[in-house]
Amino acid sequence: MMATNGKDACGINSDVPSVSSHCNNDVLATKSHSTVVNGAATEASAHSRLQNGGTGAERFTFSPEPTIEDIRRMQAEFTDERDWNQFHQPRNLLLAMVGEVGEVSELFQWRGEVAEGLPNWTECEREQLAQELSDVMIYLVELAEKCHVDLPQAVLRKMALNRLKYPASKVHGSAKKYTEYKD
């Protein structure tokens, strides 16, 4: 979907039965009848939030469900029902994901720096971002599936590698690449 600044494309596809077609109403009803706002369950408990550096500000956390495996399963079912596996090969999925990343980029284009939490964005713009980020994640998970990459385990391995490449004692407060650090 093409948008010039995120404000011109706030309509939500009315073909989707459980999604409100009005931007002013950002609450979505799901099949399980739980309420979802901007992709996050509203019943997320406060105790699951982490304190951000002891400043008293709460750090954002994701809801525990659906899991990555749940998302993989839902997308596999969606694809199977439409006989789209013939088109969902790794290269095609990668290119589709890159296109969706471009759509996320369009939402940020010409805005300058954007503060965490998007305080100057409308609910409509936030919902549009949630939709585009969801597209990116769906394609990422399906690409990992088609390439037989166990994404959660790959993330654990990559985070362990990053801790070795960027030890906190050496890189704290610096944005240099690991190759720029001297021992």
Protein backbone atom coordinates (compact mmCIF):
# COMPACT_ATOMS: atom_id res chain seq x y z
CA MET A 1 0.00 0.00 0.00
CA MET A 2 1.44 3.37 -0.99
CA ALA A 3 1.28 6.26 1.43
CA THR A 4 2.90 9.65 1.17
CA ASN A 5 3.18 10.43 4.85
CA GLY A 6 1.07 7.88 6.68
CA LYS A 7 -1.88 10.25 6.96
CA ASP A 8 -3.36 9.65 3.51
CA ALA A 9 -3.74 5.90 3.86
CA CYS A 10 -5.40 5.38 7.21
CA GLY A 11 -8.34 3.39 5.87
CA ILE A 12 -8.42 -0.25 6.86
CA ASN A 13 -9.61 -2.81 4.34
CA SER A 14 -13.32 -3.33 4.90
CA ASP A 15 -13.09 -6.81 3.32
CA VAL A 16 -11.63 -8.12 6.58
CA PRO A 17 -14.63 -9.14 8.70
CA SER A 18 -13.29 -8.70 12.23
CA VAL A 19 -11.43 -5.43 11.71
CA SER A 20 -13.07 -2.05 12.08
CA SER A 21 -13.12 -0.05 8.86
CA HIS A 22 -12.82 3.30 10.66
CA CYS A 23 -9.48 4.73 11.74
CA ASN A 24 -11.01 6.51 14.68
CA ASN A 25 -11.84 3.15 16.22
CA ASP A 26 -8.53 1.33 16.78
CA VAL A 27 -9.97 -1.49 18.87
CA LEU A 28 -10.15 -4.80 17.04
CA ALA A 29 -12.28 -7.77 18.02
CA THR A 30 -10.66 -11.13 17.46
CA LYS A 31 -12.23 -14.59 17.21
CA SER A 32 -11.34 -15.27 20.82
CA HIS A 33 -13.25 -12.12 21.84
CA SER A 34 -10.21 -10.62 23.51
CA THR A 35 -9.62 -6.95 22.85
CA VAL A 36 -6.56 -5.95 20.86
CA VAL A 37 -5.32 -2.38 20.51
CA ASN A 38 -2.50 -1.68 18.04
CA GLY A 39 -1.60 -5.34 18.00
CA ALA A 40 -1.30 -5.66 21.78
CA ALA A 41 -3.75 -7.36 24.09
CA THR A 42 -5.26 -4.80 26.47
CA GLU A 43 -5.28 -7.24 29.34
CA ALA A 44 -1.47 -7.36 29.42
CA SER A 45 -0.54 -7.31 33.08
CA ALA A 46 1.52 -4.54 34.60
CA HIS A 47 3.74 -7.03 36.43
CA SER A 48 5.07 -8.32 33.10
CA ARG A 49 6.59 -4.93 32.30
CA LEU A 50 10.23 -4.29 33.14
CA GLN A 51 11.54 -1.13 34.72
CA ASN A 52 13.67 0.86 32.28
CA GLY A 53 16.97 1.57 33.98
CA GLY A 54 15.36 2.35 37.32
CA THR A 55 13.90 5.63 36.01
CA GLY A 56 10.34 4.61 36.82
CA ALA A 57 9.39 4.52 33.13
CA GLU A 58 7.90 1.22 32.05
CA ARG A 59 9.55 -0.65 29.21
CA PHE A 60 7.23 -1.93 26.52
CA THR A 61 6.67 -5.69 26.44
CA PHE A 62 4.91 -7.95 23.94
CA SER A 63 1.95 -10.07 24.86
CA PRO A 64 2.87 -13.75 25.40
CA GLU A 65 0.58 -15.00 22.63
CA PRO A 66 0.63 -15.80 19.85
CA THR A 67 4.05 -17.44 19.85
CA ILE A 68 6.25 -17.50 16.77
CA GLU A 69 5.19 -21.10 16.27
CA ASP A 70 1.53 -20.05 16.49
CA ILE A 71 2.16 -17.41 13.83
CA ARG A 72 3.96 -19.96 11.62
CA ARG A 73 1.05 -22.37 11.98
CA MET A 74 -1.60 -19.71 11.24
CA GLN A 75 0.26 -18.52 8.14
CA ALA A 76 0.82 -22.10 6.92
CA GLU A 77 -2.92 -22.74 7.26
CA PHE A 78 -3.75 -19.47 5.48
CA THR A 79 -1.35 -20.33 2.63
CA ASP A 80 -2.56 -23.94 2.35
CA GLU A 81 -6.21 -22.87 2.19
CA ARG A 82 -5.40 -20.69 -0.82
CA ASP A 83 -2.98 -23.09 -2.55
CA TRP A 84 -0.30 -20.40 -2.44
CA ASN A 85 2.65 -22.63 -1.51
CA GLN A 86 3.48 -22.82 -5.19
CA PHE A 87 4.29 -19.10 -5.02
CA HIS A 88 5.77 -18.96 -1.50
CA GLN A 89 9.31 -19.99 -2.26
CA PRO A 90 12.22 -18.41 -0.33
CA ARG A 91 13.16 -15.83 -2.98
CA ASN A 92 9.56 -14.66 -3.43
CA LEU A 93 9.00 -14.44 0.31
CA LEU A 94 12.20 -12.43 0.75
CA LEU A 95 11.21 -9.97 -1.96
CA ALA A 96 7.70 -9.64 -0.51
CA MET A 97 9.18 -8.98 2.94
CA VAL A 98 11.52 -6.31 1.53
CA GLY A 99 8.49 -4.66 -0.10
CA GLU A 100 6.70 -4.62 3.26
CA VAL A 101 9.78 -3.12 4.95
CA GLY A 102 9.55 -0.39 2.30
CA GLU A 103 5.96 0.23 3.35
CA VAL A 104 7.08 0.57 6.98
CA SER A 105 9.76 3.02 5.80
CA GLU A 106 7.15 5.14 4.03
CA LEU A 107 5.33 5.64 7.32
CA PHE A 108 8.49 7.16 8.83
CA GLN A 109 9.58 9.09 5.74
CA TRP A 110 9.87 12.86 6.11
CA ARG A 111 9.10 12.82 9.83
CA GLY A 112 12.62 13.42 11.13
CA GLU A 113 13.44 11.71 14.40
CA VAL A 114 10.49 9.88 15.93
CA ALA A 115 10.30 9.51 19.70
CA GLU A 116 9.83 6.12 21.33
CA GLY A 117 6.17 5.28 21.75
CA LEU A 118 5.25 7.49 18.77
CA PRO A 119 3.67 10.23 20.92
CA ASN A 120 2.91 12.48 17.92
CA TRP A 121 1.25 9.76 15.85
CA THR A 122 -2.50 9.34 15.57
CA GLU A 123 -4.13 6.06 16.51
CA CYS A 124 -4.81 5.56 12.82
CA GLU A 125 -1.11 5.93 11.99
CA ARG A 126 -0.18 3.56 14.81
CA GLU A 127 -2.63 0.96 13.52
CA GLN A 128 -1.25 1.33 10.01
CA LEU A 129 2.26 0.75 11.39
CA ALA A 130 1.04 -2.30 13.33
CA GLN A 131 -0.43 -3.71 10.10
CA GLU A 132 2.78 -3.19 8.11
CA LEU A 133 5.04 -4.54 10.86
CA SER A 134 2.74 -7.58 11.04
CA ASP A 135 3.21 -8.14 7.31
CA VAL A 136 6.99 -8.02 7.77
CA MET A 137 6.86 -10.51 10.64
CA ILE A 138 4.53 -12.89 8.81
CA TYR A 139 6.84 -12.97 5.79
CA LEU A 140 9.93 -13.33 8.04
CA VAL A 141 8.43 -16.30 9.87
CA GLU A 142 7.32 -17.97 6.65
CA LEU A 143 10.74 -17.37 5.07
CA ALA A 144 12.40 -18.99 8.09
CA GLU A 145 10.00 -21.92 7.80
CA LYS A 146 10.72 -22.44 4.08
CA CYS A 147 14.47 -22.24 4.78
CA HIS A 148 14.13 -24.64 7.75
CA VAL A 149 15.57 -22.10 10.18
CA ASP A 150 14.31 -22.53 13.74
CA LEU A 151 14.00 -18.81 14.31
CA PRO A 152 13.75 -18.77 18.13
CA GLN A 153 16.85 -20.97 18.43
CA ALA A 154 18.68 -18.90 15.79
CA VAL A 155 17.90 -15.74 17.80
CA LEU A 156 19.35 -17.32 20.95
CA ARG A 157 22.55 -18.24 19.10
CA LYS A 158 22.81 -14.78 17.52
CA MET A 159 22.28 -13.00 20.85
CA ALA A 160 25.06 -15.11 22.41
CA LEU A 161 27.35 -14.20 19.51
CA ASN A 162 26.46 -10.50 19.85
CA ARG A 163 27.34 -10.61 23.56
CA LEU A 164 30.80 -11.90 22.61
CA LYS A 165 31.26 -9.31 19.84
CA TYR A 166 29.94 -6.45 21.94
CA PRO A 167 30.87 -7.00 25.60
CA ALA A 168 29.06 -4.38 27.72
CA SER A 169 32.26 -3.50 29.57
CA LYS A 170 33.92 -2.52 26.29
CA VAL A 171 31.11 -0.94 24.27
CA HIS A 172 28.86 0.73 26.84
CA GLY A 173 27.46 3.97 25.39
CA SER A 174 29.22 3.59 22.02
CA ALA A 175 27.73 2.89 18.58
CA LYS A 176 30.96 1.68 16.94
CA LYS A 177 31.04 -1.55 14.97
CA TYR A 178 32.76 -4.47 16.72
CA THR A 179 35.69 -4.31 14.26
CA GLU A 180 36.54 -0.80 15.52
CA TYR A 181 37.21 -1.83 19.11
CA LYS A 182 40.77 -2.43 20.25
CA ASP A 183 41.65 -5.05 22.86
